């Protein structure tokens, strides 16, 4: 896979060890971690998470996953990941995180659309799913803006950080594009 990917305003690139500080800057924020499975990242967490993401450079590669840093003007502002949940049937899941300081500018929309296009056009995905905490209105709106269809609202199906939470499931099929 040829990386980085570029859009009108963004560069989507593979993780490097140098990303630890930038990613920890926003993943450590309680408002970011609130809707994620992890607690706010410490420096050690950031180092371990970046290490996990380094080999995730091709959906058809050994990890069956792609983890990309969203960069604007040389600054890492988020990341987006795509991974197969069913290789044989070409079903993938997508997830994203954006530094709140960069919210409301369309960066997440631009990045996630690029990765969705990649999923369908390069990797021949038949279906791409996004699962999220139902309280995460920004991610739900992003999924809808991109044309993903809300397929489910699972009530209190996940125990996270001391409380039962709801999960929203959005999906896009090749035929939805």
C-alpha atoms as a PDB file:
ATOM      1  CA  UNK A   1       0.000   0.000   0.000  1.00  0.00           C
ATOM      2  CA  UNK A   2       1.338   3.411  -0.941  1.00  0.00           C
ATOM      3  CA  UNK A   3       1.338   5.754   2.026  1.00  0.00           C
ATOM      4  CA  UNK A   4       0.807   8.523   2.816  1.00  0.00           C
ATOM      5  CA  UNK A   5      -2.612   9.290   1.397  1.00  0.00           C
ATOM      6  CA  UNK A   6      -3.270  12.942   0.767  1.00  0.00           C
ATOM      7  CA  UNK A   7      -6.503  14.885   0.557  1.00  0.00           C
ATOM      8  CA  UNK A   8      -7.137  18.530  -0.129  1.00  0.00           C
ATOM      9  CA  UNK A   9      -6.018  19.487   3.404  1.00  0.00           C
ATOM     10  CA  UNK A  10      -4.753  16.345   5.113  1.00  0.00           C
ATOM     11  CA  UNK A  11      -2.068  13.734   5.077  1.00  0.00           C
ATOM     12  CA  UNK A  12      -3.038  10.251   6.281  1.00  0.00           C
ATOM     13  CA  UNK A  13       0.093   8.311   7.126  1.00  0.00           C
ATOM     14  CA  UNK A  14       1.348   5.300   8.996  1.00  0.00           C
ATOM     15  CA  UNK A  15       2.223   5.688  12.663  1.00  0.00           C
ATOM     16  CA  UNK A  16       5.831   6.297  13.676  1.00  0.00           C
ATOM     17  CA  UNK A  17       7.435   6.088  17.133  1.00  0.00           C
ATOM     18  CA  UNK A  18       7.566   9.890  17.112  1.00  0.00           C
ATOM     19  CA  UNK A  19       3.742  10.009  17.302  1.00  0.00           C
ATOM     20  CA  UNK A  20       3.685   9.055  20.985  1.00  0.00           C
ATOM     21  CA  UNK A  21       3.757  12.642  22.284  1.00  0.00           C
ATOM     22  CA  UNK A  22       1.207  14.018  19.806  1.00  0.00           C
ATOM     23  CA  UNK A  23      -1.283  11.183  20.256  1.00  0.00           C
ATOM     24  CA  UNK A  24      -0.925  11.194  24.033  1.00  0.00           C
ATOM     25  CA  UNK A  25      -1.735  14.919  23.986  1.00  0.00           C
ATOM     26  CA  UNK A  26      -5.330  14.297  22.898  1.00  0.00           C
ATOM     27  CA  UNK A  27      -5.904  10.675  23.996  1.00  0.00           C
ATOM     28  CA  UNK A  28      -5.070  11.784  27.560  1.00  0.00           C
ATOM     29  CA  UNK A  29      -7.999  14.207  27.609  1.00  0.00           C
ATOM     30  CA  UNK A  30     -10.952  12.888  29.671  1.00  0.00           C
ATOM     31  CA  UNK A  31     -13.436  14.276  27.131  1.00  0.00           C
ATOM     32  CA  UNK A  32     -11.770  12.192  24.374  1.00  0.00           C
ATOM     33  CA  UNK A  33     -11.405   9.019  26.435  1.00  0.00           C
ATOM     34  CA  UNK A  34     -14.973   9.239  27.733  1.00  0.00           C
ATOM     35  CA  UNK A  35     -16.401   7.437  24.708  1.00  0.00           C
ATOM     36  CA  UNK A  36     -13.460   5.089  24.110  1.00  0.00           C
ATOM     37  CA  UNK A  37     -12.728   1.711  25.668  1.00  0.00           C
ATOM     38  CA  UNK A  38      -9.494   2.992  27.221  1.00  0.00           C
ATOM     39  CA  UNK A  39      -8.959   5.345  30.120  1.00  0.00           C
ATOM     40  CA  UNK A  40      -7.074   8.568  29.297  1.00  0.00           C
ATOM     41  CA  UNK A  41      -3.623   7.612  28.075  1.00  0.00           C
ATOM     42  CA  UNK A  42      -0.537   7.979  30.182  1.00  0.00           C
ATOM     43  CA  UNK A  43       2.850   8.306  28.488  1.00  0.00           C
ATOM     44  CA  UNK A  44       3.324   4.526  28.922  1.00  0.00           C
ATOM     45  CA  UNK A  45      -0.101   3.826  27.384  1.00  0.00           C
ATOM     46  CA  UNK A  46       0.719   6.059  24.423  1.00  0.00           C
ATOM     47  CA  UNK A  47       4.013   4.272  23.828  1.00  0.00           C
ATOM     48  CA  UNK A  48       2.330   0.857  23.932  1.00  0.00           C
ATOM     49  CA  UNK A  49      -0.581   1.909  21.682  1.00  0.00           C
ATOM     50  CA  UNK A  50       1.713   3.429  19.070  1.00  0.00           C
ATOM     51  CA  UNK A  51       3.852   0.260  19.141  1.00  0.00           C
ATOM     52  CA  UNK A  52       0.684  -1.787  18.465  1.00  0.00           C
ATOM     53  CA  UNK A  53      -0.210   0.430  15.510  1.00  0.00           C
ATOM     54  CA  UNK A  54       3.194   0.507  13.794  1.00  0.00           C
ATOM     55  CA  UNK A  55       2.679  -2.744  11.799  1.00  0.00           C
ATOM     56  CA  UNK A  56      -0.908  -1.865  10.801  1.00  0.00           C
ATOM     57  CA  UNK A  57      -0.138  -0.543   7.353  1.00  0.00           C
ATOM     58  CA  UNK A  58      -2.232  -2.638   4.974  1.00  0.00           C
ATOM     59  CA  UNK A  59      -5.671  -4.221   5.273  1.00  0.00           C
ATOM     60  CA  UNK A  60      -4.399  -7.102   3.149  1.00  0.00           C
ATOM     61  CA  UNK A  61      -1.178  -7.383   5.172  1.00  0.00           C
ATOM     62  CA  UNK A  62      -0.374  -9.705   8.067  1.00  0.00           C
ATOM     63  CA  UNK A  63      -2.397  -7.676  10.604  1.00  0.00           C
ATOM     64  CA  UNK A  64      -5.469  -7.287   8.347  1.00  0.00           C
ATOM     65  CA  UNK A  65      -5.604  -3.706   9.546  1.00  0.00           C
ATOM     66  CA  UNK A  66      -4.691  -0.164   8.680  1.00  0.00           C
ATOM     67  CA  UNK A  67      -4.021   2.515  11.303  1.00  0.00           C
ATOM     68  CA  UNK A  68      -3.382   6.008  10.014  1.00  0.00           C
ATOM     69  CA  UNK A  69      -2.463   9.284  11.677  1.00  0.00           C
ATOM     70  CA  UNK A  70      -4.468  12.298  10.526  1.00  0.00           C
ATOM     71  CA  UNK A  71      -2.041  15.138   9.971  1.00  0.00           C
ATOM     72  CA  UNK A  72      -2.681  18.762   9.057  1.00  0.00           C
ATOM     73  CA  UNK A  73       0.187  21.183   8.374  1.00  0.00           C
ATOM     74  CA  UNK A  74       2.652  18.734   9.935  1.00  0.00           C
ATOM     75  CA  UNK A  75       0.621  18.299  13.147  1.00  0.00           C
ATOM     76  CA  UNK A  76      -0.949  14.963  14.176  1.00  0.00           C
ATOM     77  CA  UNK A  77      -4.568  15.788  15.028  1.00  0.00           C
ATOM     78  CA  UNK A  78      -6.196  12.361  15.146  1.00  0.00           C
ATOM     79  CA  UNK A  79      -6.225   8.901  13.740  1.00  0.00           C
ATOM     80  CA  UNK A  80      -8.438   6.560  11.810  1.00  0.00           C
ATOM     81  CA  UNK A  81      -8.288   2.774  11.726  1.00  0.00           C
ATOM     82  CA  UNK A  82      -9.765   0.142   9.452  1.00  0.00           C
ATOM     83  CA  UNK A  83      -9.608  -3.580  10.156  1.00  0.00           C
ATOM     84  CA  UNK A  84     -11.168  -6.706   8.770  1.00  0.00           C
ATOM     85  CA  UNK A  85     -13.681  -8.467  10.979  1.00  0.00           C
ATOM     86  CA  UNK A  86     -14.379 -11.027   8.234  1.00  0.00           C
ATOM     87  CA  UNK A  87     -11.706 -11.253   5.534  1.00  0.00           C
ATOM     88  CA  UNK A  88     -13.462 -13.892   3.430  1.00  0.00           C
ATOM     89  CA  UNK A  89     -16.695 -11.882   3.199  1.00  0.00           C
ATOM     90  CA  UNK A  90     -14.860  -8.518   2.962  1.00  0.00           C
ATOM     91  CA  UNK A  91     -16.396  -6.973   6.077  1.00  0.00           C
ATOM     92  CA  UNK A  92     -14.387  -4.329   7.920  1.00  0.00           C
ATOM     93  CA  UNK A  93     -14.816  -2.035  10.887  1.00  0.00           C
ATOM     94  CA  UNK A  94     -13.729   1.592  11.009  1.00  0.00           C
ATOM     95  CA  UNK A  95     -12.973   3.854  13.946  1.00  0.00           C
ATOM     96  CA  UNK A  96     -11.671   7.372  14.420  1.00  0.00           C
ATOM     97  CA  UNK A  97     -10.514   9.870  17.023  1.00  0.00           C
ATOM     98  CA  UNK A  98      -9.916  13.585  16.517  1.00  0.00           C
ATOM     99  CA  UNK A  99      -8.311  16.110  18.846  1.00  0.00           C
ATOM    100  CA  UNK A 100     -11.235  18.316  20.002  1.00  0.00           C
ATOM    101  CA  UNK A 101      -9.119  21.402  19.315  1.00  0.00           C
ATOM    102  CA  UNK A 102      -9.524  20.576  15.603  1.00  0.00           C
ATOM    103  CA  UNK A 103     -13.221  19.709  15.682  1.00  0.00           C
ATOM    104  CA  UNK A 104     -15.820  21.483  13.594  1.00  0.00           C
ATOM    105  CA  UNK A 105     -13.501  22.061  10.637  1.00  0.00           C
ATOM    106  CA  UNK A 106     -14.425  19.004   8.571  1.00  0.00           C
ATOM    107  CA  UNK A 107     -11.096  17.238   9.144  1.00  0.00           C
ATOM    108  CA  UNK A 108     -12.651  14.059  10.535  1.00  0.00           C
ATOM    109  CA  UNK A 109     -15.177  13.945   7.685  1.00  0.00           C
ATOM    110  CA  UNK A 110     -12.396  14.341   5.115  1.00  0.00           C
ATOM    111  CA  UNK A 111     -10.204  11.679   6.724  1.00  0.00           C
ATOM    112  CA  UNK A 112     -12.903   9.081   7.340  1.00  0.00           C
ATOM    113  CA  UNK A 113     -14.366   9.549   3.838  1.00  0.00           C
ATOM    114  CA  UNK A 114     -10.911   8.922   2.385  1.00  0.00           C
ATOM    115  CA  UNK A 115     -10.538   5.698   4.370  1.00  0.00           C
ATOM    116  CA  UNK A 116     -14.066   4.547   3.477  1.00  0.00           C
ATOM    117  CA  UNK A 117     -13.272   5.144  -0.201  1.00  0.00           C
ATOM    118  CA  UNK A 118     -10.089   3.133   0.268  1.00  0.00           C
ATOM    119  CA  UNK A 119     -12.028   0.306   1.926  1.00  0.00           C
ATOM    120  CA  UNK A 120     -14.411  -0.037  -0.994  1.00  0.00           C
ATOM    121  CA  UNK A 121     -12.195   0.919  -3.937  1.00  0.00           C
ATOM    122  CA  UNK A 122      -8.829  -0.611  -3.017  1.00  0.00           C
ATOM    123  CA  UNK A 123      -9.774  -3.408  -0.637  1.00  0.00           C
ATOM    124  CA  UNK A 124     -13.111  -4.413  -2.206  1.00  0.00           C
ATOM    125  CA  UNK A 125     -14.953  -4.312   1.083  1.00  0.00           C
ATOM    126  CA  UNK A 126     -18.588  -5.277   0.809  1.00  0.00           C
ATOM    127  CA  UNK A 127     -19.526  -3.736   4.155  1.00  0.00           C
ATOM    128  CA  UNK A 128     -17.877  -1.330   6.610  1.00  0.00           C
ATOM    129  CA  UNK A 129     -19.228  -0.975  10.150  1.00  0.00           C
ATOM    130  CA  UNK A 130     -18.698   1.719  12.786  1.00  0.00           C
ATOM    131  CA  UNK A 131     -19.612   0.986  16.415  1.00  0.00           C
ATOM    132  CA  UNK A 132     -19.699   3.786  18.960  1.00  0.00           C
ATOM    133  CA  UNK A 133     -20.876   4.822  22.368  1.00  0.00           C
ATOM    134  CA  UNK A 134     -24.411   6.134  21.853  1.00  0.00           C
ATOM    135  CA  UNK A 135     -23.550   9.294  23.819  1.00  0.00           C
ATOM    136  CA  UNK A 136     -20.953  10.234  21.198  1.00  0.00           C
ATOM    137  CA  UNK A 137     -23.143  12.567  19.161  1.00  0.00           C
ATOM    138  CA  UNK A 138     -20.243  13.932  17.115  1.00  0.00           C
ATOM    139  CA  UNK A 139     -19.280  10.472  15.831  1.00  0.00           C
ATOM    140  CA  UNK A 140     -22.896   9.553  15.092  1.00  0.00           C
ATOM    141  CA  UNK A 141     -23.358  12.766  13.102  1.00  0.00           C
ATOM    142  CA  UNK A 142     -20.115  12.080  11.233  1.00  0.00           C
ATOM    143  CA  UNK A 143     -21.269   8.571  10.296  1.00  0.00           C
ATOM    144  CA  UNK A 144     -24.590   9.956   9.046  1.00  0.00           C
ATOM    145  CA  UNK A 145     -22.898  12.789   7.138  1.00  0.00           C
ATOM    146  CA  UNK A 146     -20.812  10.185   5.301  1.00  0.00           C
ATOM    147  CA  UNK A 147     -23.905   8.213   4.296  1.00  0.00           C
ATOM    148  CA  UNK A 148     -23.531   5.399   6.804  1.00  0.00           C
ATOM    149  CA  UNK A 149     -26.857   3.892   7.853  1.00  0.00           C
ATOM    150  CA  UNK A 150     -27.808   3.524  11.501  1.00  0.00           C
ATOM    151  CA  UNK A 151     -28.589  -0.158  11.837  1.00  0.00           C
ATOM    152  CA  UNK A 152     -28.892  -0.616  15.579  1.00  0.00           C
ATOM    153  CA  UNK A 153     -29.045   0.969  18.992  1.00  0.00           C
ATOM    154  CA  UNK A 154     -28.082  -1.654  21.548  1.00  0.00           C
ATOM    155  CA  UNK A 155     -29.247  -0.609  24.996  1.00  0.00           C
ATOM    156  CA  UNK A 156     -26.863  -1.064  27.931  1.00  0.00           C
ATOM    157  CA  UNK A 157     -24.864  -3.734  26.108  1.00  0.00           C
ATOM    158  CA  UNK A 158     -21.378  -2.659  27.191  1.00  0.00           C
ATOM    159  CA  UNK A 159     -20.035  -2.170  30.701  1.00  0.00           C
ATOM    160  CA  UNK A 160     -17.405   0.528  30.425  1.00  0.00           C
ATOM    161  CA  UNK A 161     -15.652   2.548  33.091  1.00  0.00           C
ATOM    162  CA  UNK A 162     -18.089   1.594  35.825  1.00  0.00           C
ATOM    163  CA  UNK A 163     -21.356   2.020  33.933  1.00  0.00           C
ATOM    164  CA  UNK A 164     -23.540   0.284  31.386  1.00  0.00           C
ATOM    165  CA  UNK A 165     -23.486   2.119  28.077  1.00  0.00           C
ATOM    166  CA  UNK A 166     -25.447   1.897  24.841  1.00  0.00           C
ATOM    167  CA  UNK A 167     -23.847   1.158  21.474  1.00  0.00           C
ATOM    168  CA  UNK A 168     -24.816   2.560  18.080  1.00  0.00           C
ATOM    169  CA  UNK A 169     -23.967   0.585  14.970  1.00  0.00           C
ATOM    170  CA  UNK A 170     -23.664   2.298  11.614  1.00  0.00           C
ATOM    171  CA  UNK A 171     -22.747   0.592   8.369  1.00  0.00           C
ATOM    172  CA  UNK A 172     -22.144   1.286   4.726  1.00  0.00           C
ATOM    173  CA  UNK A 173     -22.473  -1.252   1.936  1.00  0.00           C
ATOM    174  CA  UNK A 174     -20.864  -1.085  -1.462  1.00  0.00           C
ATOM    175  CA  UNK A 175     -24.358  -0.500  -2.856  1.00  0.00           C
ATOM    176  CA  UNK A 176     -24.848   2.559  -0.596  1.00  0.00           C
ATOM    177  CA  UNK A 177     -22.148   4.525  -2.385  1.00  0.00           C
END
